[in-house]
Full PDB file with SEQRES, HELIX, SHEET, SSBOND, CRYST1, ORIGX, SCALE, CONECT and MASTER records, all heavy atoms in Angstrom:
SEQRES   1 A   31  GLN ARG GLU TRP VAL GLY SER ILE THR SER ASP GLY SER          
SEQRES   2 A   31  THR ASP TYR ASP ASP SER VAL LYS GLY ARG PHE THR ILE          
SEQRES   3 A   31  SER ARG ASP ASN ALA                                          
SHEET    1 AA1 2 GLY A   6  ILE A   8  0                                        
SHEET    2 AA1 2 THR A  14  TYR A  16 -1                                        
CRYST1    1.000    1.000    1.000  90.00  90.00  90.00 P 1           1          
ORIGX1      1.000000  0.000000  0.000000        0.00000                         
ORIGX2      0.000000  1.000000  0.000000        0.00000                         
ORIGX3      0.000000  0.000000  1.000000        0.00000                         
SCALE1      1.000000  0.000000  0.000000        0.00000                         
SCALE2      0.000000  1.000000  0.000000        0.00000                         
SCALE3      0.000000  0.000000  1.000000        0.00000                         
ATOM      1  N   GLN A   1     -59.802  86.485 -81.062  1.00  0.00           N  
ATOM      2  CA  GLN A   1     -61.109  85.944 -80.726  1.00  0.00           C  
ATOM      3  C   GLN A   1     -62.145  86.392 -81.749  1.00  0.00           C  
ATOM      4  O   GLN A   1     -61.986  87.413 -82.418  1.00  0.00           O  
ATOM      5  CB  GLN A   1     -61.521  86.416 -79.330  1.00  0.00           C  
ATOM      6  CG  GLN A   1     -60.707  85.800 -78.206  1.00  0.00           C  
ATOM      7  CD  GLN A   1     -61.253  86.141 -76.841  1.00  0.00           C  
ATOM      8  OE1 GLN A   1     -61.881  87.180 -76.651  1.00  0.00           O  
ATOM      9  NE2 GLN A   1     -61.027  85.273 -75.881  1.00  0.00           N  
ATOM     10  N   ARG A   2     -63.203  85.611 -81.834  1.00  0.00           N  
ATOM     11  CA  ARG A   2     -64.314  85.991 -82.703  1.00  0.00           C  
ATOM     12  C   ARG A   2     -64.927  87.276 -82.183  1.00  0.00           C  
ATOM     13  O   ARG A   2     -65.142  87.431 -80.968  1.00  0.00           O  
ATOM     14  CB  ARG A   2     -65.358  84.877 -82.756  1.00  0.00           C  
ATOM     15  CG  ARG A   2     -66.442  85.068 -83.790  1.00  0.00           C  
ATOM     16  CD  ARG A   2     -67.346  83.854 -83.886  1.00  0.00           C  
ATOM     17  NE  ARG A   2     -66.606  82.657 -84.281  1.00  0.00           N  
ATOM     18  CZ  ARG A   2     -67.188  81.499 -84.602  1.00  0.00           C  
ATOM     19  NH1 ARG A   2     -68.507  81.400 -84.559  1.00  0.00           N  
ATOM     20  NH2 ARG A   2     -66.462  80.465 -84.932  1.00  0.00           N  
ATOM     21  N   GLU A   3     -65.240  88.196 -83.076  1.00  0.00           N  
ATOM     22  CA  GLU A   3     -65.826  89.468 -82.679  1.00  0.00           C  
ATOM     23  C   GLU A   3     -67.084  89.763 -83.475  1.00  0.00           C  
ATOM     24  O   GLU A   3     -67.239  89.336 -84.626  1.00  0.00           O  
ATOM     25  CB  GLU A   3     -64.815  90.616 -82.863  1.00  0.00           C  
ATOM     26  CG  GLU A   3     -64.398  90.870 -84.288  1.00  0.00           C  
ATOM     27  CD  GLU A   3     -63.419  92.043 -84.423  1.00  0.00           C  
ATOM     28  OE1 GLU A   3     -62.904  92.522 -83.404  1.00  0.00           O  
ATOM     29  OE2 GLU A   3     -63.189  92.471 -85.578  1.00  0.00           O  
ATOM     30  N   TRP A   4     -67.944  90.500 -82.828  1.00  0.00           N  
ATOM     31  CA  TRP A   4     -69.209  90.890 -83.438  1.00  0.00           C  
ATOM     32  C   TRP A   4     -68.965  91.989 -84.462  1.00  0.00           C  
ATOM     33  O   TRP A   4     -68.228  92.942 -84.216  1.00  0.00           O  
ATOM     34  CB  TRP A   4     -70.155  91.367 -82.342  1.00  0.00           C  
ATOM     35  CG  TRP A   4     -71.435  91.954 -82.796  1.00  0.00           C  
ATOM     36  CD1 TRP A   4     -72.513  91.288 -83.316  1.00  0.00           C  
ATOM     37  CD2 TRP A   4     -71.810  93.340 -82.735  1.00  0.00           C  
ATOM     38  NE1 TRP A   4     -73.529  92.172 -83.580  1.00  0.00           N  
ATOM     39  CE2 TRP A   4     -73.123  93.437 -83.236  1.00  0.00           C  
ATOM     40  CE3 TRP A   4     -71.168  94.500 -82.314  1.00  0.00           C  
ATOM     41  CZ2 TRP A   4     -73.803  94.644 -83.329  1.00  0.00           C  
ATOM     42  CZ3 TRP A   4     -71.833  95.701 -82.395  1.00  0.00           C  
ATOM     43  CH2 TRP A   4     -73.147  95.773 -82.904  1.00  0.00           C  
ATOM     44  N   VAL A   5     -69.623  91.858 -85.619  1.00  0.00           N  
ATOM     45  CA  VAL A   5     -69.533  92.856 -86.678  1.00  0.00           C  
ATOM     46  C   VAL A   5     -70.812  93.694 -86.731  1.00  0.00           C  
ATOM     47  O   VAL A   5     -70.767  94.922 -86.783  1.00  0.00           O  
ATOM     48  CB  VAL A   5     -69.299  92.180 -88.045  1.00  0.00           C  
ATOM     49  CG1 VAL A   5     -69.367  93.204 -89.170  1.00  0.00           C  
ATOM     50  CG2 VAL A   5     -67.964  91.451 -88.052  1.00  0.00           C  
ATOM     51  N   GLY A   6     -71.948  93.021 -86.713  1.00  0.00           N  
ATOM     52  CA  GLY A   6     -73.222  93.726 -86.778  1.00  0.00           C  
ATOM     53  C   GLY A   6     -74.370  92.744 -86.701  1.00  0.00           C  
ATOM     54  O   GLY A   6     -74.178  91.527 -86.787  1.00  0.00           O  
ATOM     55  N   SER A   7     -75.581  93.309 -86.541  1.00  0.00           N  
ATOM     56  CA  SER A   7     -76.762  92.463 -86.365  1.00  0.00           C  
ATOM     57  C   SER A   7     -77.960  93.078 -87.055  1.00  0.00           C  
ATOM     58  O   SER A   7     -77.996  94.292 -87.296  1.00  0.00           O  
ATOM     59  CB  SER A   7     -77.096  92.299 -84.880  1.00  0.00           C  
ATOM     60  OG  SER A   7     -76.042  91.713 -84.165  1.00  0.00           O  
ATOM     61  N   ILE A   8     -78.928  92.224 -87.340  1.00  0.00           N  
ATOM     62  CA  ILE A   8     -80.234  92.677 -87.816  1.00  0.00           C  
ATOM     63  C   ILE A   8     -81.292  91.938 -87.006  1.00  0.00           C  
ATOM     64  O   ILE A   8     -81.225  90.709 -86.842  1.00  0.00           O  
ATOM     65  CB  ILE A   8     -80.407  92.443 -89.335  1.00  0.00           C  
ATOM     66  CG1 ILE A   8     -81.743  93.002 -89.808  1.00  0.00           C  
ATOM     67  CG2 ILE A   8     -80.219  90.984 -89.717  1.00  0.00           C  
ATOM     68  CD1 ILE A   8     -81.843  93.106 -91.331  1.00  0.00           C  
ATOM     69  N   THR A   9     -82.239  92.690 -86.473  1.00  0.00           N  
ATOM     70  CA  THR A   9     -83.275  92.084 -85.649  1.00  0.00           C  
ATOM     71  C   THR A   9     -84.437  91.617 -86.523  1.00  0.00           C  
ATOM     72  O   THR A   9     -84.480  91.875 -87.728  1.00  0.00           O  
ATOM     73  CB  THR A   9     -83.792  93.081 -84.612  1.00  0.00           C  
ATOM     74  OG1 THR A   9     -84.409  94.187 -85.299  1.00  0.00           O  
ATOM     75  CG2 THR A   9     -82.655  93.609 -83.754  1.00  0.00           C  
ATOM     76  N   SER A  10     -85.395  90.948 -85.889  1.00  0.00           N  
ATOM     77  CA  SER A  10     -86.544  90.449 -86.639  1.00  0.00           C  
ATOM     78  C   SER A  10     -87.360  91.600 -87.234  1.00  0.00           C  
ATOM     79  O   SER A  10     -87.982  91.434 -88.288  1.00  0.00           O  
ATOM     80  CB  SER A  10     -87.427  89.584 -85.744  1.00  0.00           C  
ATOM     81  OG  SER A  10     -87.846  90.304 -84.606  1.00  0.00           O  
ATOM     82  N   ASP A  11     -87.329  92.768 -86.606  1.00  0.00           N  
ATOM     83  CA  ASP A  11     -88.081  93.893 -87.166  1.00  0.00           C  
ATOM     84  C   ASP A  11     -87.272  94.702 -88.164  1.00  0.00           C  
ATOM     85  O   ASP A  11     -87.737  95.725 -88.662  1.00  0.00           O  
ATOM     86  CB  ASP A  11     -88.625  94.800 -86.060  1.00  0.00           C  
ATOM     87  CG  ASP A  11     -87.530  95.517 -85.284  1.00  0.00           C  
ATOM     88  OD1 ASP A  11     -86.348  95.372 -85.646  1.00  0.00           O  
ATOM     89  OD2 ASP A  11     -87.858  96.217 -84.310  1.00  0.00           O  
ATOM     90  N   GLY A  12     -86.040  94.232 -88.465  1.00  0.00           N  
ATOM     91  CA  GLY A  12     -85.229  94.869 -89.496  1.00  0.00           C  
ATOM     92  C   GLY A  12     -84.264  95.927 -89.006  1.00  0.00           C  
ATOM     93  O   GLY A  12     -83.541  96.517 -89.816  1.00  0.00           O  
ATOM     94  N   SER A  13     -84.217  96.172 -87.729  1.00  0.00           N  
ATOM     95  CA  SER A  13     -83.275  97.141 -87.186  1.00  0.00           C  
ATOM     96  C   SER A  13     -81.854  96.589 -87.250  1.00  0.00           C  
ATOM     97  O   SER A  13     -81.640  95.397 -87.013  1.00  0.00           O  
ATOM     98  CB  SER A  13     -83.624  97.479 -85.740  1.00  0.00           C  
ATOM     99  OG  SER A  13     -84.914  98.047 -85.652  1.00  0.00           O  
ATOM    100  N   THR A  14     -80.914  97.455 -87.575  1.00  0.00           N  
ATOM    101  CA  THR A  14     -79.520  97.025 -87.683  1.00  0.00           C  
ATOM    102  C   THR A  14     -78.628  97.812 -86.720  1.00  0.00           C  
ATOM    103  O   THR A  14     -78.956  98.932 -86.324  1.00  0.00           O  
ATOM    104  CB  THR A  14     -78.988  97.208 -89.109  1.00  0.00           C  
ATOM    105  OG1 THR A  14     -79.162  98.580 -89.512  1.00  0.00           O  
ATOM    106  CG2 THR A  14     -79.713  96.300 -90.085  1.00  0.00           C  
ATOM    107  N   ASP A  15     -77.530  97.198 -86.390  1.00  0.00           N  
ATOM    108  CA  ASP A  15     -76.545  97.828 -85.524  1.00  0.00           C  
ATOM    109  C   ASP A  15     -75.176  97.282 -85.922  1.00  0.00           C  
ATOM    110  O   ASP A  15     -75.076  96.140 -86.393  1.00  0.00           O  
ATOM    111  CB  ASP A  15     -76.834  97.540 -84.056  1.00  0.00           C  
ATOM    112  CG  ASP A  15     -76.068  98.454 -83.115  1.00  0.00           C  
ATOM    113  OD1 ASP A  15     -75.507  99.474 -83.578  1.00  0.00           O  
ATOM    114  OD2 ASP A  15     -75.996  98.143 -81.910  1.00  0.00           O  
ATOM    115  N   TYR A  16     -74.141  98.111 -85.723  1.00  0.00           N  
ATOM    116  CA  TYR A  16     -72.816  97.755 -86.196  1.00  0.00           C  
ATOM    117  C   TYR A  16     -71.755  98.106 -85.179  1.00  0.00           C  
ATOM    118  O   TYR A  16     -71.887  99.066 -84.413  1.00  0.00           O  
ATOM    119  CB  TYR A  16     -72.494  98.491 -87.506  1.00  0.00           C  
ATOM    120  CG  TYR A  16     -73.499  98.251 -88.598  1.00  0.00           C  
ATOM    121  CD1 TYR A  16     -74.584  99.103 -88.764  1.00  0.00           C  
ATOM    122  CD2 TYR A  16     -73.376  97.162 -89.455  1.00  0.00           C  
ATOM    123  CE1 TYR A  16     -75.527  98.879 -89.751  1.00  0.00           C  
ATOM    124  CE2 TYR A  16     -74.303  96.932 -90.452  1.00  0.00           C  
ATOM    125  CZ  TYR A  16     -75.384  97.795 -90.590  1.00  0.00           C  
ATOM    126  OH  TYR A  16     -76.316  97.568 -91.585  1.00  0.00           O  
ATOM    127  N   ASP A  17     -70.673  97.347 -85.223  1.00  0.00           N  
ATOM    128  CA  ASP A  17     -69.510  97.716 -84.441  1.00  0.00           C  
ATOM    129  C   ASP A  17     -68.927  98.996 -85.024  1.00  0.00           C  
ATOM    130  O   ASP A  17     -69.002  99.242 -86.237  1.00  0.00           O  
ATOM    131  CB  ASP A  17     -68.476  96.587 -84.484  1.00  0.00           C  
ATOM    132  CG  ASP A  17     -67.290  96.891 -83.609  1.00  0.00           C  
ATOM    133  OD1 ASP A  17     -67.392  96.737 -82.385  1.00  0.00           O  
ATOM    134  OD2 ASP A  17     -66.247  97.298 -84.170  1.00  0.00           O  
ATOM    135  N   ASP A  18     -68.322  99.811 -84.172  1.00  0.00           N  
ATOM    136  CA  ASP A  18     -67.774 101.091 -84.628  1.00  0.00           C  
ATOM    137  C   ASP A  18     -66.721 100.908 -85.725  1.00  0.00           C  
ATOM    138  O   ASP A  18     -66.547 101.784 -86.566  1.00  0.00           O  
ATOM    139  CB  ASP A  18     -67.151 101.839 -83.450  1.00  0.00           C  
ATOM    140  CG  ASP A  18     -68.203 102.443 -82.531  1.00  0.00           C  
ATOM    141  OD1 ASP A  18     -69.386 102.523 -82.940  1.00  0.00           O  
ATOM    142  OD2 ASP A  18     -67.848 102.827 -81.406  1.00  0.00           O  
ATOM    143  N   SER A  19     -66.013  99.782 -85.708  1.00  0.00           N  
ATOM    144  CA  SER A  19     -64.938  99.568 -86.677  1.00  0.00           C  
ATOM    145  C   SER A  19     -65.446  99.417 -88.111  1.00  0.00           C  
ATOM    146  O   SER A  19     -64.674  99.571 -89.061  1.00  0.00           O  
ATOM    147  CB  SER A  19     -64.124  98.335 -86.282  1.00  0.00           C  
ATOM    148  OG  SER A  19     -64.913  97.154 -86.359  1.00  0.00           O  
ATOM    149  N   VAL A  20     -66.729  99.088 -88.270  1.00  0.00           N  
ATOM    150  CA  VAL A  20     -67.279  98.885 -89.616  1.00  0.00           C  
ATOM    151  C   VAL A  20     -68.407  99.846 -89.930  1.00  0.00           C  
ATOM    152  O   VAL A  20     -68.910  99.855 -91.067  1.00  0.00           O  
ATOM    153  CB  VAL A  20     -67.766  97.432 -89.807  1.00  0.00           C  
ATOM    154  CG1 VAL A  20     -66.652  96.449 -89.465  1.00  0.00           C  
ATOM    155  CG2 VAL A  20     -69.013  97.149 -88.972  1.00  0.00           C  
ATOM    156  N   LYS A  21     -68.820 100.631 -88.962  1.00  0.00           N  
ATOM    157  CA  LYS A  21     -69.953 101.543 -89.166  1.00  0.00           C  
ATOM    158  C   LYS A  21     -69.648 102.495 -90.309  1.00  0.00           C  
ATOM    159  O   LYS A  21     -68.575 103.090 -90.377  1.00  0.00           O  
ATOM    160  CB  LYS A  21     -70.236 102.292 -87.870  1.00  0.00           C  
ATOM    161  CG  LYS A  21     -71.617 102.892 -87.767  1.00  0.00           C  
ATOM    162  CD  LYS A  21     -71.895 103.386 -86.356  1.00  0.00           C  
ATOM    163  CE  LYS A  21     -72.028 102.260 -85.360  1.00  0.00           C  
ATOM    164  NZ  LYS A  21     -72.379 102.735 -84.004  1.00  0.00           N  
ATOM    165  N   GLY A  22     -70.609 102.628 -91.222  1.00  0.00           N  
ATOM    166  CA  GLY A  22     -70.425 103.487 -92.381  1.00  0.00           C  
ATOM    167  C   GLY A  22     -69.801 102.798 -93.573  1.00  0.00           C  
ATOM    168  O   GLY A  22     -69.818 103.327 -94.694  1.00  0.00           O  
ATOM    169  N   ARG A  23     -69.247 101.594 -93.353  1.00  0.00           N  
ATOM    170  CA  ARG A  23     -68.626 100.837 -94.459  1.00  0.00           C  
ATOM    171  C   ARG A  23     -69.391  99.547 -94.756  1.00  0.00           C  
ATOM    172  O   ARG A  23     -69.458  99.115 -95.898  1.00  0.00           O  
ATOM    173  CB  ARG A  23     -67.180 100.475 -94.110  1.00  0.00           C  
ATOM    174  CG  ARG A  23     -66.281 101.669 -93.876  1.00  0.00           C  
ATOM    175  CD  ARG A  23     -64.820 101.236 -93.734  1.00  0.00           C  
ATOM    176  NE  ARG A  23     -64.606 100.365 -92.587  1.00  0.00           N  
ATOM    177  CZ  ARG A  23     -64.045  99.165 -92.675  1.00  0.00           C  
ATOM    178  NH1 ARG A  23     -63.659  98.673 -93.850  1.00  0.00           N  
ATOM    179  NH2 ARG A  23     -63.855  98.430 -91.573  1.00  0.00           N  
ATOM    180  N   PHE A  24     -69.940  98.928 -93.723  1.00  0.00           N  
ATOM    181  CA  PHE A  24     -70.653  97.659 -93.881  1.00  0.00           C  
ATOM    182  C   PHE A  24     -72.153  97.871 -93.704  1.00  0.00           C  
ATOM    183  O   PHE A  24     -72.568  98.700 -92.893  1.00  0.00           O  
ATOM    184  CB  PHE A  24     -70.188  96.642 -92.842  1.00  0.00           C  
ATOM    185  CG  PHE A  24     -68.783  96.131 -93.019  1.00  0.00           C  
ATOM    186  CD1 PHE A  24     -67.897  96.701 -93.924  1.00  0.00           C  
ATOM    187  CD2 PHE A  24     -68.339  95.063 -92.259  1.00  0.00           C  
ATOM    188  CE1 PHE A  24     -66.607  96.229 -94.077  1.00  0.00           C  
ATOM    189  CE2 PHE A  24     -67.047  94.564 -92.389  1.00  0.00           C  
ATOM    190  CZ  PHE A  24     -66.185  95.158 -93.306  1.00  0.00           C  
ATOM    191  N   THR A  25     -72.933  97.103 -94.436  1.00  0.00           N  
ATOM    192  CA  THR A  25     -74.390  97.181 -94.341  1.00  0.00           C  
ATOM    193  C   THR A  25     -74.980  95.779 -94.326  1.00  0.00           C  
ATOM    194  O   THR A  25     -74.648  94.954 -95.177  1.00  0.00           O  
ATOM    195  CB  THR A  25     -74.986  97.956 -95.519  1.00  0.00           C  
ATOM    196  OG1 THR A  25     -74.401  99.264 -95.573  1.00  0.00           O  
ATOM    197  CG2 THR A  25     -76.494  98.090 -95.366  1.00  0.00           C  
ATOM    198  N   ILE A  26     -75.848  95.529 -93.358  1.00  0.00           N  
ATOM    199  CA  ILE A  26     -76.558  94.252 -93.270  1.00  0.00           C  
ATOM    200  C   ILE A  26     -77.964  94.430 -93.823  1.00  0.00           C  
ATOM    201  O   ILE A  26     -78.644  95.411 -93.505  1.00  0.00           O  
ATOM    202  CB  ILE A  26     -76.626  93.755 -91.820  1.00  0.00           C  
ATOM    203  CG1 ILE A  26     -75.219  93.470 -91.287  1.00  0.00           C  
ATOM    204  CG2 ILE A  26     -77.478  92.482 -91.729  1.00  0.00           C  
ATOM    205  CD1 ILE A  26     -75.182  93.100 -89.818  1.00  0.00           C  
ATOM    206  N   SER A  27     -78.373  93.481 -94.636  1.00  0.00           N  
ATOM    207  CA  SER A  27     -79.732  93.504 -95.176  1.00  0.00           C  
ATOM    208  C   SER A  27     -80.229  92.068 -95.273  1.00  0.00           C  
ATOM    209  O   SER A  27     -79.462  91.113 -95.031  1.00  0.00           O  
ATOM    210  CB  SER A  27     -79.753  94.165 -96.552  1.00  0.00           C  
ATOM    211  OG  SER A  27     -78.975  93.429 -97.472  1.00  0.00           O  
ATOM    212  N   ARG A  28     -81.470  91.908 -95.621  1.00  0.00           N  
ATOM    213  CA  ARG A  28     -82.005  90.553 -95.787  1.00  0.00           C  
ATOM    214  C   ARG A  28     -83.044  90.545 -96.903  1.00  0.00           C  
ATOM    215  O   ARG A  28     -83.658  91.566 -97.222  1.00  0.00           O  
ATOM    216  CB  ARG A  28     -82.618  90.037 -94.483  1.00  0.00           C  
ATOM    217  CG  ARG A  28     -83.893  90.716 -94.072  1.00  0.00           C  
ATOM    218  CD  ARG A  28     -84.387  90.206 -92.721  1.00  0.00           C  
ATOM    219  NE  ARG A  28     -85.642  90.844 -92.377  1.00  0.00           N  
ATOM    220  CZ  ARG A  28     -86.053  91.039 -91.140  1.00  0.00           C  
ATOM    221  NH1 ARG A  28     -85.306  90.631 -90.117  1.00  0.00           N  
ATOM    222  NH2 ARG A  28     -87.210  91.609 -90.910  1.00  0.00           N  
ATOM    223  N   ASP A  29     -83.185  89.362 -97.490  1.00  0.00           N  
ATOM    224  CA  ASP A  29     -84.190  89.121 -98.515  1.00  0.00           C  
ATOM    225  C   ASP A  29     -85.097  88.024 -97.974  1.00  0.00           C  
ATOM    226  O   ASP A  29     -84.697  86.847 -97.939  1.00  0.00           O  
ATOM    227  CB  ASP A  29     -83.517  88.698 -99.815  1.00  0.00           C  
ATOM    228  CG  ASP A  29     -84.485  88.538-100.973  1.00  0.00           C  
ATOM    229  OD1 ASP A  29     -85.659  88.171-100.722  1.00  0.00           O  
ATOM    230  OD2 ASP A  29     -84.072  88.759-102.113  1.00  0.00           O  
ATOM    231  N   ASN A  30     -86.277  88.404 -97.531  1.00  0.00           N  
ATOM    232  CA  ASN A  30     -87.179  87.429 -96.920  1.00  0.00           C  
ATOM    233  C   ASN A  30     -87.598  86.352 -97.921  1.00  0.00           C  
ATOM    234  O   ASN A  30     -87.776  85.186 -97.548  1.00  0.00           O  
ATOM    235  CB  ASN A  30     -88.403  88.120 -96.347  1.00  0.00           C  
ATOM    236  CG  ASN A  30     -88.054  89.008 -95.165  1.00  0.00           C  
ATOM    237  OD1 ASN A  30     -87.001  88.863 -94.550  1.00  0.00           O  
ATOM    238  ND2 ASN A  30     -88.934  89.962 -94.859  1.00  0.00           N  
ATOM    239  N   ALA A  31     -87.747  86.723 -99.182  1.00  0.00           N  
ATOM    240  CA  ALA A  31     -88.164  85.759-100.195  1.00  0.00           C  
ATOM    241  C   ALA A  31     -87.102  84.675-100.406  1.00  0.00           C  
ATOM    242  O   ALA A  31     -87.435  83.513-100.661  1.00  0.00           O  
ATOM    243  CB  ALA A  31     -88.460  86.466-101.500  1.00  0.00           C  
TER     244      ALA A  31                                                      
MASTER        0    0    0    0    2    0    0    6  243    1    0    3          
END                                                                             
C-alpha cells in the first residue's frame, strides 16, 4: 500500500516517518 514518507506544513514545519528520519529531508522553494 501507499505509505506516508514525510510532510511539510504551510509554516515550514516538517515531519517524517521513522523509517526515513535522519536520511530524508523535505524542503521547498517558494520562488
